[in-house]
N, C-alpha and C. Protein backbone atom coordinates (compact mmCIF):
# COMPACT_ATOMS: atom_id res chain seq x y z
N MET A 1 98.49 151.79 62.26
CA MET A 1 97.61 152.94 62.28
C MET A 1 96.88 152.99 63.62
N GLY A 2 96.92 154.15 64.24
CA GLY A 2 96.31 154.30 65.55
C GLY A 2 94.87 154.80 65.48
N GLU A 3 94.35 155.15 66.63
CA GLU A 3 92.96 155.60 66.76
C GLU A 3 92.68 156.85 65.93
N LEU A 4 93.59 157.82 65.96
CA LEU A 4 93.34 159.08 65.26
C LEU A 4 93.31 158.91 63.74
N ALA A 5 94.17 158.06 63.20
CA ALA A 5 94.23 157.86 61.75
C ALA A 5 92.97 157.17 61.22
N LYS A 6 92.16 156.63 62.10
CA LYS A 6 90.92 155.98 61.68
C LYS A 6 89.78 157.00 61.51
N LEU A 7 90.01 158.22 61.99
CA LEU A 7 88.99 159.27 61.86
C LEU A 7 88.96 159.77 60.42
N PRO A 8 87.81 160.31 59.99
CA PRO A 8 87.74 160.86 58.63
C PRO A 8 88.81 161.93 58.43
N ASN A 9 89.42 161.96 57.27
CA ASN A 9 90.40 162.96 56.85
C ASN A 9 91.80 162.80 57.44
N LEU A 10 91.95 162.02 58.48
CA LEU A 10 93.25 161.93 59.14
C LEU A 10 93.99 160.67 58.71
N GLY A 11 95.22 160.86 58.34
CA GLY A 11 96.07 159.73 57.98
C GLY A 11 97.23 159.65 58.95
N PRO A 12 98.20 158.81 58.64
CA PRO A 12 99.32 158.61 59.56
C PRO A 12 100.17 159.85 59.80
N VAL A 13 100.29 160.74 58.84
CA VAL A 13 101.13 161.94 59.02
C VAL A 13 100.50 162.88 60.04
N ILE A 14 99.22 163.19 59.87
CA ILE A 14 98.56 164.09 60.82
C ILE A 14 98.47 163.41 62.18
N GLU A 15 98.21 162.12 62.20
CA GLU A 15 98.16 161.40 63.47
C GLU A 15 99.49 161.54 64.20
N GLU A 16 100.59 161.34 63.51
CA GLU A 16 101.91 161.43 64.13
C GLU A 16 102.15 162.84 64.66
N GLN A 17 101.75 163.85 63.90
CA GLN A 17 101.92 165.23 64.36
C GLN A 17 101.06 165.51 65.60
N LEU A 18 99.84 165.02 65.61
CA LEU A 18 98.99 165.20 66.78
C LEU A 18 99.61 164.54 68.01
N ILE A 19 100.14 163.36 67.83
CA ILE A 19 100.80 162.66 68.94
C ILE A 19 101.99 163.47 69.44
N GLN A 20 102.76 164.03 68.51
CA GLN A 20 103.93 164.84 68.89
C GLN A 20 103.54 166.04 69.74
N VAL A 21 102.35 166.59 69.51
CA VAL A 21 101.93 167.76 70.29
C VAL A 21 101.04 167.37 71.48
N GLY A 22 100.98 166.07 71.78
CA GLY A 22 100.30 165.60 72.99
C GLY A 22 98.83 165.26 72.84
N ILE A 23 98.35 165.15 71.61
CA ILE A 23 96.96 164.78 71.37
C ILE A 23 96.96 163.35 70.83
N THR A 24 96.50 162.42 71.66
CA THR A 24 96.61 161.01 71.30
C THR A 24 95.26 160.30 71.13
N THR A 25 94.17 160.98 71.51
CA THR A 25 92.85 160.34 71.41
C THR A 25 91.85 161.30 70.75
N TYR A 26 90.76 160.73 70.27
CA TYR A 26 89.68 161.55 69.71
C TYR A 26 89.17 162.54 70.76
N GLU A 27 89.02 162.06 71.99
CA GLU A 27 88.50 162.92 73.06
C GLU A 27 89.41 164.13 73.27
N GLN A 28 90.72 163.91 73.23
CA GLN A 28 91.66 165.02 73.39
C GLN A 28 91.57 165.98 72.20
N LEU A 29 91.43 165.44 71.00
CA LEU A 29 91.30 166.28 69.81
C LEU A 29 90.03 167.12 69.90
N LYS A 30 88.93 166.50 70.28
CA LYS A 30 87.65 167.21 70.39
C LYS A 30 87.74 168.30 71.45
N GLU A 31 88.33 167.98 72.59
CA GLU A 31 88.46 168.94 73.69
C GLU A 31 89.38 170.11 73.29
N THR A 32 90.45 169.81 72.58
CA THR A 32 91.41 170.83 72.16
C THR A 32 90.79 171.71 71.07
N GLY A 33 90.07 171.09 70.17
CA GLY A 33 89.47 171.81 69.05
C GLY A 33 90.43 171.90 67.88
N SER A 34 89.87 172.04 66.69
CA SER A 34 90.71 172.02 65.49
C SER A 34 91.66 173.22 65.43
N LYS A 35 91.21 174.38 65.87
CA LYS A 35 92.06 175.58 65.80
C LYS A 35 93.29 175.45 66.68
N GLN A 36 93.07 175.07 67.93
CA GLN A 36 94.21 174.95 68.85
C GLN A 36 95.12 173.79 68.45
N ALA A 37 94.53 172.69 67.98
CA ALA A 37 95.34 171.55 67.53
C ALA A 37 96.20 171.97 66.34
N TRP A 38 95.61 172.74 65.43
CA TRP A 38 96.36 173.22 64.25
C TRP A 38 97.49 174.14 64.68
N LEU A 39 97.23 175.03 65.64
CA LEU A 39 98.29 175.94 66.12
C LEU A 39 99.45 175.14 66.73
N LYS A 40 99.11 174.08 67.45
CA LYS A 40 100.16 173.24 68.05
C LYS A 40 100.99 172.57 66.95
N ILE A 41 100.31 172.06 65.92
CA ILE A 41 101.03 171.44 64.81
C ILE A 41 101.86 172.47 64.06
N LYS A 42 101.30 173.65 63.85
CA LYS A 42 102.02 174.72 63.15
C LYS A 42 103.32 175.07 63.87
N ALA A 43 103.33 174.95 65.20
CA ALA A 43 104.52 175.25 65.98
C ALA A 43 105.66 174.26 65.70
N ILE A 44 105.31 173.04 65.26
CA ILE A 44 106.35 172.05 64.97
C ILE A 44 106.53 171.82 63.47
N ASP A 45 105.57 172.32 62.66
CA ASP A 45 105.64 172.14 61.21
C ASP A 45 105.11 173.40 60.54
N SER A 46 106.02 174.24 60.08
CA SER A 46 105.61 175.52 59.48
C SER A 46 104.83 175.34 58.18
N SER A 47 104.82 174.14 57.62
CA SER A 47 104.08 173.91 56.38
C SER A 47 102.61 173.54 56.63
N ALA A 48 102.18 173.54 57.89
CA ALA A 48 100.78 173.19 58.20
C ALA A 48 99.84 174.10 57.43
N CYS A 49 98.97 173.51 56.63
CA CYS A 49 98.14 174.27 55.69
C CYS A 49 96.67 174.28 56.11
N ILE A 50 95.90 175.03 55.36
CA ILE A 50 94.46 175.13 55.60
C ILE A 50 93.78 173.77 55.51
N HIS A 51 94.28 172.90 54.66
CA HIS A 51 93.67 171.58 54.49
C HIS A 51 93.80 170.75 55.77
N ARG A 52 94.89 170.91 56.47
CA ARG A 52 95.09 170.19 57.73
C ARG A 52 94.08 170.68 58.77
N LEU A 53 93.86 171.99 58.79
CA LEU A 53 92.89 172.57 59.72
C LEU A 53 91.47 172.07 59.40
N LEU A 54 91.10 172.11 58.14
CA LEU A 54 89.78 171.62 57.73
C LEU A 54 89.64 170.13 58.00
N ALA A 55 90.71 169.38 57.76
CA ALA A 55 90.69 167.93 58.00
C ALA A 55 90.41 167.62 59.46
N MET A 56 91.05 168.35 60.35
CA MET A 56 90.85 168.09 61.79
C MET A 56 89.44 168.47 62.23
N GLU A 57 88.91 169.57 61.71
CA GLU A 57 87.53 169.96 62.05
C GLU A 57 86.56 168.88 61.56
N GLY A 58 86.78 168.39 60.35
CA GLY A 58 85.94 167.31 59.84
C GLY A 58 86.06 166.06 60.68
N ALA A 59 87.27 165.74 61.10
CA ALA A 59 87.48 164.55 61.94
C ALA A 59 86.73 164.67 63.26
N ILE A 60 86.76 165.85 63.85
CA ILE A 60 86.04 166.07 65.11
C ILE A 60 84.54 165.86 64.90
N ARG A 61 84.04 166.31 63.77
CA ARG A 61 82.59 166.19 63.47
C ARG A 61 82.23 164.84 62.87
N GLY A 62 83.23 164.04 62.51
CA GLY A 62 82.97 162.72 61.94
C GLY A 62 82.54 162.76 60.48
N ILE A 63 82.97 163.82 59.77
CA ILE A 63 82.59 163.96 58.36
C ILE A 63 83.82 164.30 57.51
N LYS A 64 83.69 164.13 56.20
CA LYS A 64 84.77 164.54 55.29
C LYS A 64 84.86 166.06 55.31
N LYS A 65 86.07 166.57 55.13
CA LYS A 65 86.24 168.03 55.19
C LYS A 65 85.42 168.74 54.12
N THR A 66 85.16 168.09 53.01
CA THR A 66 84.36 168.70 51.95
C THR A 66 82.90 168.85 52.36
N GLN A 67 82.48 168.14 53.40
CA GLN A 67 81.09 168.20 53.86
C GLN A 67 80.88 169.24 54.96
N LEU A 68 81.94 169.92 55.36
CA LEU A 68 81.79 170.96 56.37
C LEU A 68 80.88 172.06 55.84
N PRO A 69 80.05 172.63 56.70
CA PRO A 69 79.19 173.73 56.26
C PRO A 69 80.05 174.90 55.75
N GLU A 70 79.54 175.61 54.76
CA GLU A 70 80.28 176.73 54.18
C GLU A 70 80.68 177.77 55.21
N GLU A 71 79.79 178.05 56.18
CA GLU A 71 80.12 179.05 57.19
C GLU A 71 81.27 178.59 58.08
N THR A 72 81.36 177.30 58.33
CA THR A 72 82.47 176.76 59.11
C THR A 72 83.76 176.88 58.32
N LYS A 73 83.71 176.54 57.04
CA LYS A 73 84.90 176.67 56.19
C LYS A 73 85.37 178.12 56.15
N ALA A 74 84.43 179.05 56.01
CA ALA A 74 84.78 180.48 55.96
C ALA A 74 85.42 180.93 57.27
N GLU A 75 84.87 180.49 58.39
CA GLU A 75 85.42 180.84 59.71
C GLU A 75 86.83 180.28 59.87
N LEU A 76 87.04 179.04 59.44
CA LEU A 76 88.36 178.43 59.56
C LEU A 76 89.37 179.09 58.62
N ARG A 77 88.92 179.48 57.43
CA ARG A 77 89.82 180.19 56.50
C ARG A 77 90.25 181.52 57.10
N GLU A 78 89.30 182.23 57.71
CA GLU A 78 89.61 183.51 58.35
C GLU A 78 90.63 183.31 59.47
N PHE A 79 90.40 182.30 60.30
CA PHE A 79 91.33 181.98 61.38
C PHE A 79 92.71 181.65 60.83
N TYR A 80 92.75 180.84 59.78
CA TYR A 80 94.02 180.43 59.16
C TYR A 80 94.79 181.64 58.67
N HIS A 81 94.13 182.53 57.96
CA HIS A 81 94.81 183.71 57.41
C HIS A 81 95.29 184.64 58.52
N ALA A 82 94.51 184.77 59.58
CA ALA A 82 94.92 185.60 60.72
C ALA A 82 96.13 184.99 61.43
N ALA A 83 96.15 183.67 61.54
CA ALA A 83 97.25 182.98 62.24
C ALA A 83 98.53 182.99 61.43
N LYS A 84 98.44 183.13 60.11
CA LYS A 84 99.63 183.14 59.26
C LYS A 84 100.38 184.46 59.31
N GLN A 85 99.72 185.52 59.75
CA GLN A 85 100.36 186.85 59.75
C GLN A 85 101.28 187.04 60.93
């Protein structure tokens, strides 16, 4: 298990996908942001879901995705639905 899988919400599968899209450190994930990181993963895995997006935002903030503020969750859901079209 690498550095990314040690972050909240992230396990070996998301870590591997992040590495595949060129994000190998927490600093790179934070700089890229959850939305852009999710879009990169979506490009290689069409099954990338809203939970992956929320998980990465939580990882960046150092909290469980369930602890994200409601307004953040709503913003990410809106982004997710717009990106799926």
